[in-house]
Amino acid sequence: MKSVIKLSLCYFAFALVLFGCRVAPETTQQKNVLMAEVDEAIAVLKARDPTMQRFFDDSYGYAVLPKIFKGAFIVGAGHGKGAVFEQGNLIGYCNMTQISGGISFGGEYYREFIFFKDKIDLDKFRQGEYTFSAQMTAIAARSGVGGKADYKGGMAVFILADTGLMADASLGGQKFNFVRLDPNDPNAI
């Protein structure tokens, strides 16, 4: 059993290194693909729950990670990339890596939306590296939930499941890296 756990840890550590090396897209094509995925994720979220619009309107900023894969075989790992916005303007890119313990099995794709209530909360996130505490949980985005949800600790986090089977809304262990948008980028504000 110990060898299975060690093998699983090595596998997921390798996967995180492989997928998690770059935060910002390097080519115009990669930027275009990521931004199209971000736009699609926002459209899907608003279509599933029109009350979510209030978070886009009222938050100081938000991060959208349009495609996160989380998988587990004994030990779990997840990774995704996204874009960060301040008052509706793209300001940079982020990535998320997560390793979780405990016995679990399965995999899923999901989208994650993080809304920052004010500038101080966004500044904490974009200082470079940010980690969610073990107590942090996300709200599964479904019809009407946006009208009832509120900020906790200056943030509101929503998960929109795409495919797969793994019921776990815990965000503990999620580590984010932020890279400011290059001022020479045509998308820069």
N, C-alpha and C. Protein backbone atom coordinates (compact mmCIF):
# COMPACT_ATOMS: atom_id res chain seq x y z
N MET A 1 0.82 -1.20 0.00
CA MET A 1 0.00 0.00 0.00
C MET A 1 0.87 1.26 0.00
N LYS A 2 1.97 1.24 0.77
CA LYS A 2 2.85 2.40 0.81
C LYS A 2 3.46 2.68 -0.56
N SER A 3 3.78 1.62 -1.29
CA SER A 3 4.37 1.82 -2.62
C SER A 3 3.35 2.44 -3.58
N VAL A 4 2.07 2.08 -3.44
CA VAL A 4 1.02 2.67 -4.28
C VAL A 4 0.90 4.16 -3.97
N ILE A 5 0.94 4.52 -2.70
CA ILE A 5 0.84 5.92 -2.31
C ILE A 5 2.05 6.70 -2.83
N LYS A 6 3.24 6.14 -2.69
CA LYS A 6 4.45 6.81 -3.19
C LYS A 6 4.39 6.98 -4.70
N LEU A 7 3.95 5.94 -5.39
CA LEU A 7 3.83 6.02 -6.84
C LEU A 7 2.82 7.09 -7.24
N SER A 8 1.70 7.14 -6.54
CA SER A 8 0.67 8.15 -6.83
C SER A 8 1.21 9.55 -6.60
N LEU A 9 1.93 9.76 -5.50
CA LEU A 9 2.52 11.07 -5.21
C LEU A 9 3.51 11.48 -6.29
N CYS A 10 4.34 10.56 -6.72
CA CYS A 10 5.31 10.84 -7.79
C CYS A 10 4.60 11.19 -9.09
N TYR A 11 3.56 10.45 -9.42
CA TYR A 11 2.79 10.69 -10.64
C TYR A 11 2.19 12.09 -10.63
N PHE A 12 1.55 12.46 -9.53
CA PHE A 12 0.90 13.76 -9.47
C PHE A 12 1.91 14.90 -9.36
N ALA A 13 3.02 14.68 -8.70
CA ALA A 13 4.07 15.70 -8.64
C ALA A 13 4.61 15.96 -10.05
N PHE A 14 4.83 14.90 -10.82
CA PHE A 14 5.29 15.04 -12.20
C PHE A 14 4.25 15.79 -13.03
N ALA A 15 2.98 15.45 -12.85
CA ALA A 15 1.91 16.11 -13.60
C ALA A 15 1.86 17.60 -13.28
N LEU A 16 2.02 17.95 -12.01
CA LEU A 16 2.00 19.36 -11.63
C LEU A 16 3.18 20.12 -12.22
N VAL A 17 4.34 19.50 -12.24
CA VAL A 17 5.51 20.15 -12.84
C VAL A 17 5.28 20.31 -14.34
N LEU A 18 4.77 19.28 -14.97
CA LEU A 18 4.53 19.31 -16.41
C LEU A 18 3.52 20.39 -16.78
N PHE A 19 2.40 20.46 -16.05
CA PHE A 19 1.33 21.39 -16.40
C PHE A 19 1.51 22.77 -15.79
N GLY A 20 2.25 22.89 -14.71
CA GLY A 20 2.25 24.12 -13.95
C GLY A 20 3.45 25.03 -14.15
N CYS A 21 4.22 24.84 -15.17
CA CYS A 21 5.45 25.62 -15.32
C CYS A 21 5.19 27.08 -15.68
N ARG A 22 4.28 27.36 -16.56
CA ARG A 22 4.03 28.73 -17.02
C ARG A 22 2.68 29.22 -16.52
N VAL A 23 2.67 30.47 -16.06
CA VAL A 23 1.42 31.07 -15.61
C VAL A 23 0.73 31.76 -16.78
N ALA A 24 1.46 32.61 -17.49
CA ALA A 24 0.88 33.38 -18.59
C ALA A 24 1.04 32.63 -19.91
N PRO A 25 0.05 32.76 -20.79
CA PRO A 25 0.20 32.19 -22.12
C PRO A 25 1.37 32.86 -22.83
N GLU A 26 2.11 32.09 -23.61
CA GLU A 26 3.33 32.62 -24.23
C GLU A 26 3.13 33.13 -25.65
N THR A 27 2.16 32.60 -26.35
CA THR A 27 1.96 33.02 -27.74
C THR A 27 0.60 33.69 -27.88
N THR A 28 0.44 34.42 -28.96
CA THR A 28 -0.84 35.07 -29.24
C THR A 28 -1.94 34.03 -29.35
N GLN A 29 -1.64 32.90 -29.99
CA GLN A 29 -2.63 31.84 -30.13
C GLN A 29 -3.06 31.31 -28.76
N GLN A 30 -2.10 31.09 -27.85
CA GLN A 30 -2.44 30.60 -26.51
C GLN A 30 -3.29 31.63 -25.76
N LYS A 31 -2.97 32.91 -25.90
CA LYS A 31 -3.76 33.97 -25.26
C LYS A 31 -5.18 33.98 -25.82
N ASN A 32 -5.29 33.88 -27.14
CA ASN A 32 -6.61 33.89 -27.76
C ASN A 32 -7.45 32.70 -27.32
N VAL A 33 -6.84 31.53 -27.23
CA VAL A 33 -7.56 30.33 -26.79
C VAL A 33 -8.02 30.50 -25.35
N LEU A 34 -7.11 30.94 -24.48
CA LEU A 34 -7.48 31.13 -23.07
C LEU A 34 -8.60 32.14 -22.93
N MET A 35 -8.51 33.27 -23.62
CA MET A 35 -9.54 34.30 -23.48
C MET A 35 -10.88 33.84 -24.05
N ALA A 36 -10.85 33.04 -25.12
CA ALA A 36 -12.10 32.47 -25.64
C ALA A 36 -12.72 31.52 -24.62
N GLU A 37 -11.88 30.73 -23.94
CA GLU A 37 -12.38 29.81 -22.91
C GLU A 37 -12.93 30.59 -21.72
N VAL A 38 -12.27 31.69 -21.34
CA VAL A 38 -12.76 32.54 -20.24
C VAL A 38 -14.11 33.14 -20.61
N ASP A 39 -14.23 33.70 -21.81
CA ASP A 39 -15.50 34.28 -22.26
C ASP A 39 -16.61 33.24 -22.27
N GLU A 40 -16.29 32.04 -22.75
CA GLU A 40 -17.28 30.96 -22.78
C GLU A 40 -17.70 30.57 -21.37
N ALA A 41 -16.74 30.46 -20.45
CA ALA A 41 -17.05 30.09 -19.07
C ALA A 41 -17.98 31.11 -18.43
N ILE A 42 -17.71 32.39 -18.65
CA ILE A 42 -18.57 33.45 -18.10
C ILE A 42 -19.97 33.35 -18.69
N ALA A 43 -20.06 33.14 -20.00
CA ALA A 43 -21.37 33.02 -20.65
C ALA A 43 -22.15 31.82 -20.12
N VAL A 44 -21.48 30.69 -19.93
CA VAL A 44 -22.15 29.49 -19.40
C VAL A 44 -22.64 29.74 -17.98
N LEU A 45 -21.80 30.36 -17.15
CA LEU A 45 -22.19 30.65 -15.77
C LEU A 45 -23.43 31.54 -15.73
N LYS A 46 -23.42 32.61 -16.51
CA LYS A 46 -24.55 33.54 -16.53
C LYS A 46 -25.80 32.88 -17.11
N ALA A 47 -25.64 31.99 -18.08
CA ALA A 47 -26.79 31.29 -18.66
C ALA A 47 -27.42 30.33 -17.65
N ARG A 48 -26.57 29.64 -16.89
CA ARG A 48 -27.09 28.70 -15.89
C ARG A 48 -27.70 29.41 -14.70
N ASP A 49 -27.18 30.60 -14.38
CA ASP A 49 -27.70 31.35 -13.24
C ASP A 49 -27.57 32.84 -13.51
N PRO A 50 -28.62 33.46 -14.06
CA PRO A 50 -28.56 34.89 -14.35
C PRO A 50 -28.31 35.77 -13.12
N THR A 51 -28.59 35.27 -11.92
CA THR A 51 -28.35 36.07 -10.71
C THR A 51 -26.86 36.26 -10.44
N MET A 52 -26.00 35.50 -11.13
CA MET A 52 -24.55 35.66 -10.95
C MET A 52 -24.05 37.00 -11.49
N GLN A 53 -24.84 37.63 -12.34
CA GLN A 53 -24.44 38.92 -12.92
C GLN A 53 -24.09 39.93 -11.83
N ARG A 54 -24.75 39.84 -10.68
CA ARG A 54 -24.49 40.82 -9.62
C ARG A 54 -23.05 40.76 -9.14
N PHE A 55 -22.43 39.57 -9.16
CA PHE A 55 -21.03 39.48 -8.74
C PHE A 55 -20.10 40.14 -9.77
N PHE A 56 -20.41 40.00 -11.05
CA PHE A 56 -19.61 40.68 -12.07
C PHE A 56 -19.78 42.20 -11.96
N ASP A 57 -20.99 42.64 -11.61
CA ASP A 57 -21.28 44.07 -11.49
C ASP A 57 -20.71 44.69 -10.22
N ASP A 58 -20.79 43.98 -9.10
CA ASP A 58 -20.48 44.56 -7.79
C ASP A 58 -19.08 44.28 -7.27
N SER A 59 -18.41 43.25 -7.76
CA SER A 59 -17.09 42.92 -7.23
C SER A 59 -16.05 43.89 -7.79
N TYR A 60 -14.99 44.09 -7.02
CA TYR A 60 -13.90 44.95 -7.49
C TYR A 60 -13.10 44.25 -8.59
N GLY A 61 -13.00 42.93 -8.47
CA GLY A 61 -12.28 42.15 -9.46
C GLY A 61 -12.67 40.70 -9.39
N TYR A 62 -12.19 39.92 -10.34
CA TYR A 62 -12.50 38.50 -10.36
C TYR A 62 -11.47 37.73 -11.18
N ALA A 63 -11.36 36.45 -10.86
CA ALA A 63 -10.51 35.53 -11.62
C ALA A 63 -11.40 34.44 -12.18
N VAL A 64 -11.15 34.06 -13.41
CA VAL A 64 -11.89 32.98 -14.06
C VAL A 64 -10.90 31.94 -14.53
N LEU A 65 -11.06 30.72 -14.02
CA LEU A 65 -10.25 29.58 -14.46
C LEU A 65 -11.19 28.67 -15.23
N PRO A 66 -11.15 28.72 -16.56
CA PRO A 66 -12.17 28.06 -17.37
C PRO A 66 -12.05 26.55 -17.51
N LYS A 67 -10.90 26.00 -17.18
CA LYS A 67 -10.72 24.56 -17.39
C LYS A 67 -9.74 24.02 -16.36
N ILE A 68 -10.27 23.50 -15.27
CA ILE A 68 -9.44 22.88 -14.24
C ILE A 68 -9.70 21.39 -14.28
N PHE A 69 -8.63 20.61 -14.27
CA PHE A 69 -8.79 19.17 -14.15
C PHE A 69 -8.34 18.77 -12.76
N LYS A 70 -9.17 17.99 -12.10
CA LYS A 70 -8.85 17.46 -10.78
C LYS A 70 -9.01 15.96 -10.86
N GLY A 71 -7.97 15.23 -10.51
CA GLY A 71 -8.01 13.78 -10.55
C GLY A 71 -7.44 13.20 -9.27
N ALA A 72 -7.84 11.99 -8.98
CA ALA A 72 -7.34 11.35 -7.76
C ALA A 72 -7.27 9.84 -7.93
N PHE A 73 -6.20 9.30 -7.43
CA PHE A 73 -6.05 7.87 -7.22
C PHE A 73 -5.26 7.77 -5.93
N ILE A 74 -5.93 7.56 -4.85
CA ILE A 74 -5.41 7.62 -3.49
C ILE A 74 -5.16 9.09 -3.12
N VAL A 75 -4.23 9.75 -3.82
CA VAL A 75 -3.92 11.16 -3.59
C VAL A 75 -4.47 11.95 -4.77
N GLY A 76 -4.97 13.15 -4.50
CA GLY A 76 -5.56 13.95 -5.57
C GLY A 76 -4.68 15.12 -5.97
N ALA A 77 -4.85 15.56 -7.21
CA ALA A 77 -4.14 16.73 -7.72
C ALA A 77 -5.03 17.45 -8.72
N GLY A 78 -4.82 18.74 -8.82
CA GLY A 78 -5.59 19.53 -9.78
C GLY A 78 -4.73 20.65 -10.35
N HIS A 79 -5.11 21.12 -11.54
CA HIS A 79 -4.37 22.20 -12.18
C HIS A 79 -5.29 22.92 -13.15
N GLY A 80 -5.11 24.24 -13.24
CA GLY A 80 -5.84 25.04 -14.21
C GLY A 80 -5.21 26.40 -14.38
N LYS A 81 -5.54 27.06 -15.48
CA LYS A 81 -5.04 28.40 -15.77
C LYS A 81 -6.22 29.32 -16.02
N GLY A 82 -6.00 30.62 -15.78
CA GLY A 82 -7.10 31.54 -15.98
C GLY A 82 -6.64 32.97 -16.16
N ALA A 83 -7.62 33.87 -16.15
CA ALA A 83 -7.39 35.30 -16.34
C ALA A 83 -7.95 36.05 -15.14
N VAL A 84 -7.32 37.18 -14.82
CA VAL A 84 -7.72 37.99 -13.67
C VAL A 84 -8.12 39.37 -14.18
N PHE A 85 -9.24 39.87 -13.64
CA PHE A 85 -9.81 41.14 -14.07
C PHE A 85 -9.94 42.09 -12.88
N GLU A 86 -9.69 43.37 -13.14
CA GLU A 86 -9.90 44.42 -12.15
C GLU A 86 -10.89 45.41 -12.75
N GLN A 87 -12.03 45.56 -12.11
CA GLN A 87 -13.10 46.43 -12.59
C GLN A 87 -13.40 46.20 -14.07
N GLY A 88 -13.45 44.92 -14.44
CA GLY A 88 -13.82 44.52 -15.79
C GLY A 88 -12.69 44.48 -16.81
N ASN A 89 -11.50 44.95 -16.43
CA ASN A 89 -10.36 44.97 -17.35
C ASN A 89 -9.38 43.86 -17.03
N LEU A 90 -8.90 43.20 -18.08
CA LEU A 90 -7.90 42.15 -17.91
C LEU A 90 -6.62 42.76 -17.36
N ILE A 91 -6.11 42.21 -16.22
CA ILE A 91 -4.88 42.74 -15.62
C ILE A 91 -3.77 41.69 -15.54
N GLY A 92 -4.11 40.42 -15.78
CA GLY A 92 -3.08 39.40 -15.70
C GLY A 92 -3.63 38.00 -15.81
N TYR A 93 -2.74 37.05 -15.55
CA TYR A 93 -3.08 35.64 -15.65
C TYR A 93 -2.76 34.94 -14.34
N CYS A 94 -3.41 33.83 -14.12
CA CYS A 94 -3.13 33.05 -12.91
C CYS A 94 -3.16 31.57 -13.25
N ASN A 95 -2.51 30.79 -12.40
CA ASN A 95 -2.69 29.35 -12.49
C ASN A 95 -2.93 28.82 -11.09
N MET A 96 -3.50 27.65 -11.02
CA MET A 96 -3.84 27.03 -9.75
C MET A 96 -3.32 25.60 -9.77
N THR A 97 -2.67 25.21 -8.68
CA THR A 97 -2.31 23.81 -8.48
C THR A 97 -2.85 23.39 -7.12
N GLN A 98 -3.20 22.14 -7.02
CA GLN A 98 -3.78 21.62 -5.78
C GLN A 98 -3.35 20.17 -5.59
N ILE A 99 -2.95 19.85 -4.39
CA ILE A 99 -2.69 18.47 -4.00
C ILE A 99 -3.51 18.21 -2.76
N SER A 100 -4.25 17.12 -2.76
CA SER A 100 -5.08 16.80 -1.61
C SER A 100 -4.79 15.39 -1.13
N GLY A 101 -4.89 15.21 0.17
CA GLY A 101 -4.66 13.89 0.76
C GLY A 101 -5.98 13.18 1.00
N GLY A 102 -5.90 12.05 1.63
CA GLY A 102 -7.10 11.27 1.89
C GLY A 102 -7.36 10.31 0.75
N ILE A 103 -8.15 9.33 1.02
CA ILE A 103 -8.48 8.32 0.01
C ILE A 103 -9.54 8.89 -0.92
N SER A 104 -9.20 9.03 -2.18
CA SER A 104 -10.17 9.43 -3.19
C SER A 104 -9.82 8.80 -4.52
N PHE A 105 -10.82 8.77 -5.39
CA PHE A 105 -10.64 8.16 -6.70
C PHE A 105 -11.59 8.85 -7.66
N GLY A 106 -11.12 9.17 -8.85
CA GLY A 106 -11.99 9.76 -9.86
C GLY A 106 -11.32 10.95 -10.52
N GLY A 107 -12.10 11.65 -11.30
CA GLY A 107 -11.59 12.82 -11.99
C GLY A 107 -12.74 13.67 -12.49
N GLU A 108 -12.46 14.95 -12.68
CA GLU A 108 -13.48 15.86 -13.18
C GLU A 108 -12.84 17.09 -13.78
N TYR A 109 -13.56 17.70 -14.70
CA TYR A 109 -13.23 19.03 -15.20
C TYR A 109 -14.23 19.99 -14.59
N TYR A 110 -13.76 21.16 -14.21
CA TYR A 110 -14.69 22.16 -13.72
C TYR A 110 -14.14 23.55 -14.00
N ARG A 111 -15.00 24.54 -13.82
CA ARG A 111 -14.63 25.94 -13.98
C ARG A 111 -14.71 26.59 -12.61
N GLU A 112 -13.78 27.48 -12.33
CA GLU A 112 -13.76 28.15 -11.03
C GLU A 112 -13.80 29.66 -11.23
N PHE A 113 -14.63 30.32 -10.43
CA PHE A 113 -14.80 31.77 -10.49
C PHE A 113 -14.54 32.31 -9.09
N ILE A 114 -13.63 33.27 -8.98
CA ILE A 114 -13.29 33.87 -7.69
C ILE A 114 -13.58 35.37 -7.80
N PHE A 115 -14.51 35.84 -6.98
CA PHE A 115 -14.87 37.26 -6.97
C PHE A 115 -14.26 37.93 -5.74
N PHE A 116 -13.64 39.08 -5.95
CA PHE A 116 -13.00 39.84 -4.88
C PHE A 116 -13.86 41.05 -4.55
N LYS A 117 -14.25 41.16 -3.30
CA LYS A 117 -15.18 42.21 -2.88
C LYS A 117 -14.61 43.61 -3.10
N ASP A 118 -13.34 43.82 -2.73
CA ASP A 118 -12.76 45.15 -2.90
C ASP A 118 -11.28 45.05 -3.29
N LYS A 119 -10.66 46.19 -3.45
CA LYS A 119 -9.27 46.26 -3.93
C LYS A 119 -8.31 45.51 -3.01
N ILE A 120 -8.50 45.62 -1.71
CA ILE A 120 -7.61 44.95 -0.75
C ILE A 120 -7.61 43.44 -0.98
N ASP A 121 -8.79 42.87 -1.21
CA ASP A 121 -8.90 41.43 -1.43
C ASP A 121 -8.22 41.01 -2.73
N LEU A 122 -8.40 41.79 -3.79
CA LEU A 122 -7.73 41.49 -5.05
C LEU A 122 -6.22 41.65 -4.91
N ASP A 123 -5.78 42.68 -4.18
CA ASP A 123 -4.34 42.89 -3.98
C ASP A 123 -3.69 41.71 -3.28
N LYS A 124 -4.36 41.12 -2.31
CA LYS A 124 -3.83 39.94 -1.62
C LYS A 124 -3.60 38.80 -2.61
N PHE A 125 -4.54 38.62 -3.51
CA PHE A 125 -4.47 37.55 -4.50
C PHE A 125 -3.33 37.78 -5.49
N ARG A 126 -3.18 39.02 -5.94
CA ARG A 126 -2.22 39.28 -7.01
C ARG A 126 -0.81 39.62 -6.52
N GLN A 127 -0.54 39.43 -5.24
CA GLN A 127 0.81 39.66 -4.74
C GLN A 127 1.78 38.60 -5.22
N GLY A 128 1.31 37.64 -5.95
CA GLY A 128 2.21 36.63 -6.53
C GLY A 128 1.74 35.23 -6.25
N GLU A 129 1.78 34.83 -4.99
CA GLU A 129 1.35 33.49 -4.61
C GLU A 129 0.26 33.61 -3.56
N TYR A 130 -0.80 32.87 -3.74
CA TYR A 130 -1.93 32.91 -2.81
C TYR A 130 -2.41 31.48 -2.61
N THR A 131 -2.70 31.11 -1.37
CA THR A 131 -3.16 29.75 -1.06
C THR A 131 -4.46 29.82 -0.29
N PHE A 132 -5.44 29.02 -0.73
CA PHE A 132 -6.69 28.90 0.02
C PHE A 132 -6.45 28.05 1.25
N SER A 133 -7.05 28.42 2.36
CA SER A 133 -6.93 27.63 3.59
C SER A 133 -7.79 26.37 3.47
N ALA A 134 -7.55 25.44 4.36
CA ALA A 134 -8.28 24.17 4.34
C ALA A 134 -9.77 24.37 4.57
N GLN A 135 -10.16 25.46 5.23
CA GLN A 135 -11.57 25.70 5.54
C GLN A 135 -12.33 26.35 4.38
N MET A 136 -11.63 26.80 3.36
CA MET A 136 -12.27 27.50 2.26
C MET A 136 -13.07 26.52 1.41
N THR A 137 -14.32 26.85 1.13
CA THR A 137 -15.14 26.01 0.27
C THR A 137 -15.77 26.85 -0.83
N ALA A 138 -16.14 26.17 -1.90
CA ALA A 138 -16.78 26.83 -3.03
C ALA A 138 -18.25 26.48 -3.03
N ILE A 139 -19.02 27.30 -3.71
CA ILE A 139 -20.44 27.05 -3.87
C ILE A 139 -20.65 26.52 -5.28
N ALA A 140 -21.35 25.40 -5.39
CA ALA A 140 -21.66 24.85 -6.71
C ALA A 140 -22.63 25.79 -7.41
N ALA A 141 -22.25 26.26 -8.59
CA ALA A 141 -23.08 27.20 -9.33
C ALA A 141 -24.25 26.46 -9.97
N ARG A 142 -25.44 26.87 -9.58
CA ARG A 142 -26.67 26.34 -10.17
C ARG A 142 -27.71 27.44 -10.12
N SER A 143 -28.79 27.26 -10.78
CA SER A 143 -29.79 28.31 -10.92
C SER A 143 -30.22 28.90 -9.59
N GLY A 144 -30.11 30.23 -9.48
CA GLY A 144 -30.58 30.94 -8.31
C GLY A 144 -29.58 31.10 -7.19
N VAL A 145 -28.47 30.38 -7.22
CA VAL A 145 -27.53 30.42 -6.10
C VAL A 145 -26.84 31.78 -6.00
N GLY A 146 -26.64 32.46 -7.11
CA GLY A 146 -25.97 33.76 -7.09
C GLY A 146 -26.73 34.82 -6.33
N GLY A 147 -28.04 34.69 -6.29
CA GLY A 147 -28.86 35.65 -5.56
C GLY A 147 -28.79 35.48 -4.06
N LYS A 148 -28.38 34.30 -3.59
CA LYS A 148 -28.34 34.00 -2.15
C LYS A 148 -26.93 34.01 -1.59
N ALA A 149 -25.94 33.82 -2.43
CA ALA A 149 -24.55 33.71 -1.97
C ALA A 149 -24.01 35.08 -1.58
N ASP A 150 -22.96 35.06 -0.75
CA ASP A 150 -22.32 36.30 -0.33
C ASP A 150 -20.82 36.08 -0.19
N TYR A 151 -20.10 37.15 0.03
CA TYR A 151 -18.65 37.09 0.20
C TYR A 151 -18.31 36.53 1.58
N LYS A 152 -17.23 35.76 1.64
CA LYS A 152 -16.67 35.29 2.91
C LYS A 152 -15.19 35.61 2.88
N GLY A 153 -14.73 36.37 3.85
CA GLY A 153 -13.33 36.76 3.86
C GLY A 153 -12.95 37.60 2.66
N GLY A 154 -13.89 38.37 2.14
CA GLY A 154 -13.62 39.23 1.00
C GLY A 154 -13.71 38.56 -0.36
N MET A 155 -14.06 37.26 -0.37
CA MET A 155 -14.14 36.53 -1.64
C MET A 155 -15.43 35.71 -1.70
N ALA A 156 -15.88 35.49 -2.92
CA ALA A 156 -16.95 34.54 -3.18
C ALA A 156 -16.42 33.62 -4.28
N VAL A 157 -16.49 32.31 -4.04
CA VAL A 157 -15.91 31.34 -4.97
C VAL A 157 -17.01 30.40 -5.44
N PHE A 158 -17.09 30.22 -6.76
CA PHE A 158 -18.09 29.35 -7.35
C PHE A 158 -17.42 28.33 -8.25
N ILE A 159 -17.97 27.12 -8.22
CA ILE A 159 -17.49 26.02 -9.06
C ILE A 159 -18.61 25.64 -10.01
N LEU A 160 -18.27 25.48 -11.27
CA LEU A 160 -19.23 25.03 -12.28
C LEU A 160 -18.66 23.76 -12.89
N ALA A 161 -19.25 22.61 -12.54
CA ALA A 161 -18.74 21.31 -12.99
C ALA A 161 -19.01 21.14 -14.48
N ASP A 162 -18.02 20.60 -15.17
CA ASP A 162 -18.15 20.30 -16.60
C ASP A 162 -18.45 18.82 -16.79
N THR A 163 -17.45 18.01 -16.53
CA THR A 163 -17.62 16.57 -16.72
C THR A 163 -16.88 15.83 -15.62
N GLY A 164 -17.25 14.60 -15.45
CA GLY A 164 -16.56 13.75 -14.49
C GLY A 164 -17.40 13.48 -13.27
N LEU A 165 -16.82 12.72 -12.38
CA LEU A 165 -17.53 12.34 -11.17
C LEU A 165 -16.56 12.41 -10.00
N MET A 166 -16.66 13.46 -9.22
CA MET A 166 -15.88 13.60 -8.00
C MET A 166 -16.52 14.72 -7.21
N ALA A 167 -17.26 14.38 -6.19
CA ALA A 167 -17.97 15.38 -5.40
C ALA A 167 -17.06 15.90 -4.30
N ASP A 168 -16.50 17.08 -4.49
CA ASP A 168 -15.63 17.68 -3.49
C ASP A 168 -15.55 19.17 -3.77
N ALA A 169 -16.17 19.97 -2.91
CA ALA A 169 -16.15 21.42 -3.10
C ALA A 169 -15.09 22.09 -2.24
N SER A 170 -14.21 21.32 -1.63
CA SER A 170 -13.17 21.88 -0.79
C SER A 170 -12.08 22.51 -1.65
N LEU A 171 -11.65 23.69 -1.25
CA LEU A 171 -10.60 24.39 -1.99
C LEU A 171 -9.27 24.36 -1.25
N GLY A 172 -9.24 23.69 -0.11
CA GLY A 172 -8.02 23.63 0.69
C GLY A 172 -6.85 23.11 -0.14
N GLY A 173 -5.72 23.77 -0.01
CA GLY A 173 -4.53 23.35 -0.73
C GLY A 173 -4.41 23.94 -2.12
N GLN A 174 -5.40 24.69 -2.57
CA GLN A 174 -5.27 25.34 -3.87
C GLN A 174 -4.26 26.48 -3.74
N LYS A 175 -3.26 26.46 -4.58
CA LYS A 175 -2.23 27.49 -4.58
C LYS A 175 -2.29 28.22 -5.92
N PHE A 176 -2.33 29.54 -5.87
CA PHE A 176 -2.44 30.35 -7.06
C PHE A 176 -1.17 31.16 -7.27
N ASN A 177 -0.79 31.30 -8.52
CA ASN A 177 0.29 32.19 -8.92
C ASN A 177 -0.31 33.22 -9.87
N PHE A 178 0.08 34.46 -9.71
CA PHE A 178 -0.43 35.56 -10.53
C PHE A 178 0.72 36.22 -11.27
N VAL A 179 0.50 36.53 -12.53
CA VAL A 179 1.47 37.28 -13.33
C VAL A 179 0.73 38.44 -13.97
N ARG A 180 1.24 39.64 -13.73
CA ARG A 180 0.63 40.84 -14.30
C ARG A 180 0.76 40.81 -15.82
N LEU A 181 -0.25 41.33 -16.49
CA LEU A 181 -0.26 41.44 -17.94
C LEU A 181 0.90 42.32 -18.40
N ASP A 182 1.60 41.89 -19.41
CA ASP A 182 2.70 42.66 -19.99
C ASP A 182 2.13 43.97 -20.55
N PRO A 183 2.68 45.13 -20.15
CA PRO A 183 2.15 46.40 -20.64
C PRO A 183 2.21 46.54 -22.16
N ASN A 184 3.08 45.78 -22.82
CA ASN A 184 3.17 45.82 -24.29
C ASN A 184 2.13 44.94 -24.96
N ASP A 185 1.40 44.16 -24.17
CA ASP A 185 0.36 43.29 -24.71
C ASP A 185 -0.80 44.15 -25.20
N PRO A 186 -1.35 43.87 -26.38
CA PRO A 186 -2.47 44.68 -26.89
C PRO A 186 -3.71 44.60 -26.00
N ASN A 187 -3.81 43.58 -25.12
CA ASN A 187 -4.94 43.48 -24.21
C ASN A 187 -4.74 44.29 -22.93
N ALA A 188 -3.55 44.86 -22.75
CA ALA A 188 -3.25 45.60 -21.51
C ALA A 188 -4.13 46.83 -21.40
N ILE A 189 -4.44 47.15 -20.13
CA ILE A 189 -5.28 48.34 -19.90
C ILE A 189 -4.42 49.59 -19.81
